[in-house]
Amino acid sequence: MTHAHGTADDIQVVCFRIGRQEFAFEILQVERILRHSAPASLPSAPEFLEGVVPYEGGVVPVVDLRKRLEVTAPLGEETRIVVLALEEGRVGIIVDEVREVLRVDSTTITAPPPMVRGLAAAYIAGIIARPERTIVLLNAARILSATERLALTAAESDA
């Protein structure tokens, strides 16, 4: 028996685009979506950190996921900063465009193919296959490595 609200196996994901590929984060990890504004750079910030943007009376560090995934993309009208709430705190992720919120039956999320190795594999929580599109579900918590988290904490306390 299925309910109109979906089943216990359903998760909601926020879909976004980087380059030509669609990605998603679980909605529980997404706190807010902001229009892109140029981050203020921090002195001696680690390379992966674009800087910080004002957020709720403080600042949130911003990481360009496009660089992380080695996609060169210009900033456009649709460029957004997705604010993720992670255990260590919040981090903003630059994406090319936020598309929609999808409800997905978690049993239909498949493991990444074995050929996906290395850096990318660490970020991928699974693959959501739809008739016309393939969405890569990212593990928000893994976007930053442990070293980067430490660097981030240091950068924030300097800010």
C-alpha atoms as a PDB file:
ATOM      1  CA  MET A   1       0.000   0.000   0.000  1.00  0.00           C
ATOM      2  CA  THR A   2       1.537   3.270  -1.060  1.00  0.00           C
ATOM      3  CA  HIS A   3       0.623   6.659   0.269  1.00  0.00           C
ATOM      4  CA  ALA A   4       0.373   9.789  -1.802  1.00  0.00           C
ATOM      5  CA  HIS A   5       3.106  11.235   0.396  1.00  0.00           C
ATOM      6  CA  GLY A   6       5.480   8.516  -0.723  1.00  0.00           C
ATOM      7  CA  THR A   7       6.838   5.645   1.264  1.00  0.00           C
ATOM      8  CA  ALA A   8       9.391   5.310   4.012  1.00  0.00           C
ATOM      9  CA  ASP A   9      11.899   4.485   1.287  1.00  0.00           C
ATOM     10  CA  ASP A  10      11.470   7.848  -0.386  1.00  0.00           C
ATOM     11  CA  ILE A  11      14.043  10.543  -0.058  1.00  0.00           C
ATOM     12  CA  GLN A  12      13.866  14.041  -1.419  1.00  0.00           C
ATOM     13  CA  VAL A  13      16.819  15.401  -3.297  1.00  0.00           C
ATOM     14  CA  VAL A  14      17.730  18.834  -4.555  1.00  0.00           C
ATOM     15  CA  CYS A  15      18.908  18.516  -8.160  1.00  0.00           C
ATOM     16  CA  PHE A  16      21.432  20.897  -9.612  1.00  0.00           C
ATOM     17  CA  ARG A  17      23.620  21.197 -12.657  1.00  0.00           C
ATOM     18  CA  ILE A  18      27.367  21.487 -12.974  1.00  0.00           C
ATOM     19  CA  GLY A  19      28.455  21.751 -16.567  1.00  0.00           C
ATOM     20  CA  ARG A  20      26.237  19.314 -18.459  1.00  0.00           C
ATOM     21  CA  GLN A  21      25.822  16.856 -15.634  1.00  0.00           C
ATOM     22  CA  GLU A  22      23.049  16.792 -13.078  1.00  0.00           C
ATOM     23  CA  PHE A  23      23.848  16.157  -9.446  1.00  0.00           C
ATOM     24  CA  ALA A  24      21.804  16.069  -6.275  1.00  0.00           C
ATOM     25  CA  PHE A  25      22.134  16.385  -2.527  1.00  0.00           C
ATOM     26  CA  GLU A  26      19.680  14.921  -0.068  1.00  0.00           C
ATOM     27  CA  ILE A  27      17.327  17.701   0.906  1.00  0.00           C
ATOM     28  CA  LEU A  28      18.070  17.160   4.597  1.00  0.00           C
ATOM     29  CA  GLN A  29      21.625  18.336   3.965  1.00  0.00           C
ATOM     30  CA  VAL A  30      20.545  21.494   2.154  1.00  0.00           C
ATOM     31  CA  GLU A  31      19.810  24.437   4.396  1.00  0.00           C
ATOM     32  CA  ARG A  32      19.302  27.196   1.850  1.00  0.00           C
ATOM     33  CA  ILE A  33      19.942  28.222  -1.725  1.00  0.00           C
ATOM     34  CA  LEU A  34      21.428  31.665  -2.278  1.00  0.00           C
ATOM     35  CA  ARG A  35      21.946  33.736  -5.389  1.00  0.00           C
ATOM     36  CA  HIS A  36      25.601  33.790  -6.233  1.00  0.00           C
ATOM     37  CA  SER A  37      27.560  36.698  -4.882  1.00  0.00           C
ATOM     38  CA  ALA A  38      31.317  36.945  -5.120  1.00  0.00           C
ATOM     39  CA  PRO A  39      32.849  35.495  -1.976  1.00  0.00           C
ATOM     40  CA  ALA A  40      35.206  37.736  -0.017  1.00  0.00           C
ATOM     41  CA  SER A  41      38.581  36.062  -0.194  1.00  0.00           C
ATOM     42  CA  LEU A  42      40.418  35.266   2.979  1.00  0.00           C
ATOM     43  CA  PRO A  43      44.153  35.756   3.376  1.00  0.00           C
ATOM     44  CA  SER A  44      46.075  32.463   3.334  1.00  0.00           C
ATOM     45  CA  ALA A  45      42.883  30.520   2.638  1.00  0.00           C
ATOM     46  CA  PRO A  46      43.358  27.034   1.225  1.00  0.00           C
ATOM     47  CA  GLU A  47      43.061  26.802  -2.552  1.00  0.00           C
ATOM     48  CA  PHE A  48      39.743  24.942  -2.574  1.00  0.00           C
ATOM     49  CA  LEU A  49      38.117  27.738  -0.571  1.00  0.00           C
ATOM     50  CA  GLU A  50      36.711  30.544  -2.700  1.00  0.00           C
ATOM     51  CA  GLY A  51      36.153  32.753   0.322  1.00  0.00           C
ATOM     52  CA  VAL A  52      33.173  33.564   2.505  1.00  0.00           C
ATOM     53  CA  VAL A  53      29.752  35.092   1.892  1.00  0.00           C
ATOM     54  CA  PRO A  54      27.550  36.819   4.466  1.00  0.00           C
ATOM     55  CA  TYR A  55      24.962  34.469   5.898  1.00  0.00           C
ATOM     56  CA  GLU A  56      22.564  34.832   8.823  1.00  0.00           C
ATOM     57  CA  GLY A  57      24.548  37.469  10.661  1.00  0.00           C
ATOM     58  CA  GLY A  58      27.843  35.675  10.114  1.00  0.00           C
ATOM     59  CA  VAL A  59      29.675  34.216   7.169  1.00  0.00           C
ATOM     60  CA  VAL A  60      29.675  30.849   5.471  1.00  0.00           C
ATOM     61  CA  PRO A  61      32.768  29.468   3.687  1.00  0.00           C
ATOM     62  CA  VAL A  62      32.269  28.780  -0.021  1.00  0.00           C
ATOM     63  CA  VAL A  63      33.707  25.929  -2.071  1.00  0.00           C
ATOM     64  CA  ASP A  64      33.434  25.828  -5.864  1.00  0.00           C
ATOM     65  CA  LEU A  65      32.192  22.332  -6.576  1.00  0.00           C
ATOM     66  CA  ARG A  66      32.841  22.915 -10.260  1.00  0.00           C
ATOM     67  CA  LYS A  67      36.579  23.133  -9.635  1.00  0.00           C
ATOM     68  CA  ARG A  68      36.324  20.135  -7.385  1.00  0.00           C
ATOM     69  CA  LEU A  69      34.780  18.122 -10.205  1.00  0.00           C
ATOM     70  CA  GLU A  70      37.172  19.703 -12.711  1.00  0.00           C
ATOM     71  CA  VAL A  71      34.444  21.377 -14.725  1.00  0.00           C
ATOM     72  CA  THR A  72      35.195  24.834 -16.029  1.00  0.00           C
ATOM     73  CA  ALA A  73      32.070  26.902 -15.955  1.00  0.00           C
ATOM     74  CA  PRO A  74      31.488  30.621 -16.203  1.00  0.00           C
ATOM     75  CA  LEU A  75      29.336  32.343 -13.620  1.00  0.00           C
ATOM     76  CA  GLY A  76      25.874  32.910 -15.043  1.00  0.00           C
ATOM     77  CA  GLU A  77      22.422  34.191 -14.172  1.00  0.00           C
ATOM     78  CA  GLU A  78      21.568  30.789 -12.753  1.00  0.00           C
ATOM     79  CA  THR A  79      24.717  30.293 -10.662  1.00  0.00           C
ATOM     80  CA  ARG A  80      23.753  29.551  -7.070  1.00  0.00           C
ATOM     81  CA  ILE A  81      25.373  28.859  -3.734  1.00  0.00           C
ATOM     82  CA  VAL A  82      23.833  25.844  -2.036  1.00  0.00           C
ATOM     83  CA  VAL A  83      24.330  26.098   1.718  1.00  0.00           C
ATOM     84  CA  LEU A  84      24.843  22.654   3.209  1.00  0.00           C
ATOM     85  CA  ALA A  85      24.450  21.921   6.900  1.00  0.00           C
ATOM     86  CA  LEU A  86      27.193  19.454   7.767  1.00  0.00           C
ATOM     87  CA  GLU A  87      28.193  18.137  11.160  1.00  0.00           C
ATOM     88  CA  GLU A  88      31.135  20.528  11.340  1.00  0.00           C
ATOM     89  CA  GLY A  89      29.001  23.484  10.383  1.00  0.00           C
ATOM     90  CA  ARG A  90      27.798  25.062   7.201  1.00  0.00           C
ATOM     91  CA  VAL A  91      29.503  25.305   3.870  1.00  0.00           C
ATOM     92  CA  GLY A  92      28.342  26.967   0.659  1.00  0.00           C
ATOM     93  CA  ILE A  93      28.794  25.098  -2.617  1.00  0.00           C
ATOM     94  CA  ILE A  94      28.849  26.930  -5.966  1.00  0.00           C
ATOM     95  CA  VAL A  95      26.741  25.206  -8.630  1.00  0.00           C
ATOM     96  CA  ASP A  96      25.715  26.255 -12.125  1.00  0.00           C
ATOM     97  CA  GLU A  97      21.976  25.978 -11.660  1.00  0.00           C
ATOM     98  CA  VAL A  98      19.531  24.522  -9.161  1.00  0.00           C
ATOM     99  CA  ARG A  99      16.879  22.575 -11.052  1.00  0.00           C
ATOM    100  CA  GLU A 100      14.248  21.094  -8.771  1.00  0.00           C
ATOM    101  CA  VAL A 101      13.427  19.006  -5.768  1.00  0.00           C
ATOM    102  CA  LEU A 102      12.731  15.391  -6.676  1.00  0.00           C
ATOM    103  CA  ARG A 103      11.209  12.634  -4.623  1.00  0.00           C
ATOM    104  CA  VAL A 104      13.139   9.462  -5.241  1.00  0.00           C
ATOM    105  CA  ASP A 105      12.479   5.925  -4.117  1.00  0.00           C
ATOM    106  CA  SER A 106      15.758   5.154  -2.386  1.00  0.00           C
ATOM    107  CA  THR A 107      15.588   1.549  -3.543  1.00  0.00           C
ATOM    108  CA  THR A 108      16.053   2.810  -7.119  1.00  0.00           C
ATOM    109  CA  ILE A 109      19.342   4.541  -6.290  1.00  0.00           C
ATOM    110  CA  THR A 110      22.147   2.371  -7.594  1.00  0.00           C
ATOM    111  CA  ALA A 111      25.789   2.183  -6.606  1.00  0.00           C
ATOM    112  CA  PRO A 112      28.232   4.015  -8.869  1.00  0.00           C
ATOM    113  CA  PRO A 113      29.687   1.793 -11.613  1.00  0.00           C
ATOM    114  CA  PRO A 114      32.985   0.136 -10.637  1.00  0.00           C
ATOM    115  CA  MET A 115      34.861   2.156 -13.275  1.00  0.00           C
ATOM    116  CA  VAL A 116      34.237   5.296 -11.230  1.00  0.00           C
ATOM    117  CA  ARG A 117      37.325   5.435  -9.083  1.00  0.00           C
ATOM    118  CA  GLY A 118      39.477   7.932  -7.318  1.00  0.00           C
ATOM    119  CA  LEU A 119      38.409  11.385  -6.277  1.00  0.00           C
ATOM    120  CA  ALA A 120      34.949  11.340  -7.792  1.00  0.00           C
ATOM    121  CA  ALA A 121      34.003   7.981  -6.310  1.00  0.00           C
ATOM    122  CA  ALA A 122      34.527   9.306  -2.798  1.00  0.00           C
ATOM    123  CA  TYR A 123      31.836  11.952  -3.353  1.00  0.00           C
ATOM    124  CA  ILE A 124      29.228   9.758  -4.971  1.00  0.00           C
ATOM    125  CA  ALA A 125      26.483   8.351  -2.777  1.00  0.00           C
ATOM    126  CA  GLY A 126      24.687   6.739  -5.712  1.00  0.00           C
ATOM    127  CA  ILE A 127      23.198   7.116  -9.162  1.00  0.00           C
ATOM    128  CA  ILE A 128      19.568   8.054  -9.776  1.00  0.00           C
ATOM    129  CA  ALA A 129      18.589   6.790 -13.201  1.00  0.00           C
ATOM    130  CA  ARG A 130      15.568   8.405 -14.796  1.00  0.00           C
ATOM    131  CA  PRO A 131      14.246   7.662 -18.297  1.00  0.00           C
ATOM    132  CA  GLU A 132      15.740  10.806 -19.818  1.00  0.00           C
ATOM    133  CA  ARG A 133      18.510  11.634 -17.384  1.00  0.00           C
ATOM    134  CA  THR A 134      21.055  10.341 -14.959  1.00  0.00           C
ATOM    135  CA  ILE A 135      21.519  12.213 -11.707  1.00  0.00           C
ATOM    136  CA  VAL A 136      24.570  11.674  -9.557  1.00  0.00           C
ATOM    137  CA  LEU A 137      23.683  11.772  -5.868  1.00  0.00           C
ATOM    138  CA  LEU A 138      26.544  13.318  -3.943  1.00  0.00           C
ATOM    139  CA  ASN A 139      27.499  12.664  -0.369  1.00  0.00           C
ATOM    140  CA  ALA A 140      27.590  16.179   1.048  1.00  0.00           C
ATOM    141  CA  ALA A 141      29.625  15.157   4.075  1.00  0.00           C
ATOM    142  CA  ARG A 142      32.392  13.815   1.850  1.00  0.00           C
ATOM    143  CA  ILE A 143      32.780  16.888  -0.339  1.00  0.00           C
ATOM    144  CA  LEU A 144      35.372  18.112   2.109  1.00  0.00           C
ATOM    145  CA  SER A 145      38.194  15.887   3.208  1.00  0.00           C
ATOM    146  CA  ALA A 146      39.294  15.826   6.826  1.00  0.00           C
ATOM    147  CA  THR A 147      42.278  18.048   6.049  1.00  0.00           C
ATOM    148  CA  GLU A 148      40.059  20.537   4.303  1.00  0.00           C
ATOM    149  CA  ARG A 149      37.662  20.590   7.225  1.00  0.00           C
ATOM    150  CA  LEU A 150      40.513  21.510   9.513  1.00  0.00           C
ATOM    151  CA  ALA A 151      41.654  24.203   7.109  1.00  0.00           C
ATOM    152  CA  LEU A 152      38.082  25.471   6.897  1.00  0.00           C
ATOM    153  CA  THR A 153      37.736  25.699  10.659  1.00  0.00           C
ATOM    154  CA  ALA A 154      41.036  27.573  10.823  1.00  0.00           C
ATOM    155  CA  ALA A 155      39.970  29.924   8.023  1.00  0.00           C
ATOM    156  CA  GLU A 156      36.652  30.624   9.742  1.00  0.00           C
ATOM    157  CA  SER A 157      38.273  31.465  13.023  1.00  0.00           C
ATOM    158  CA  ASP A 158      40.579  33.878  11.151  1.00  0.00           C
ATOM    159  CA  ALA A 159      37.634  35.534   9.401  1.00  0.00           C
END
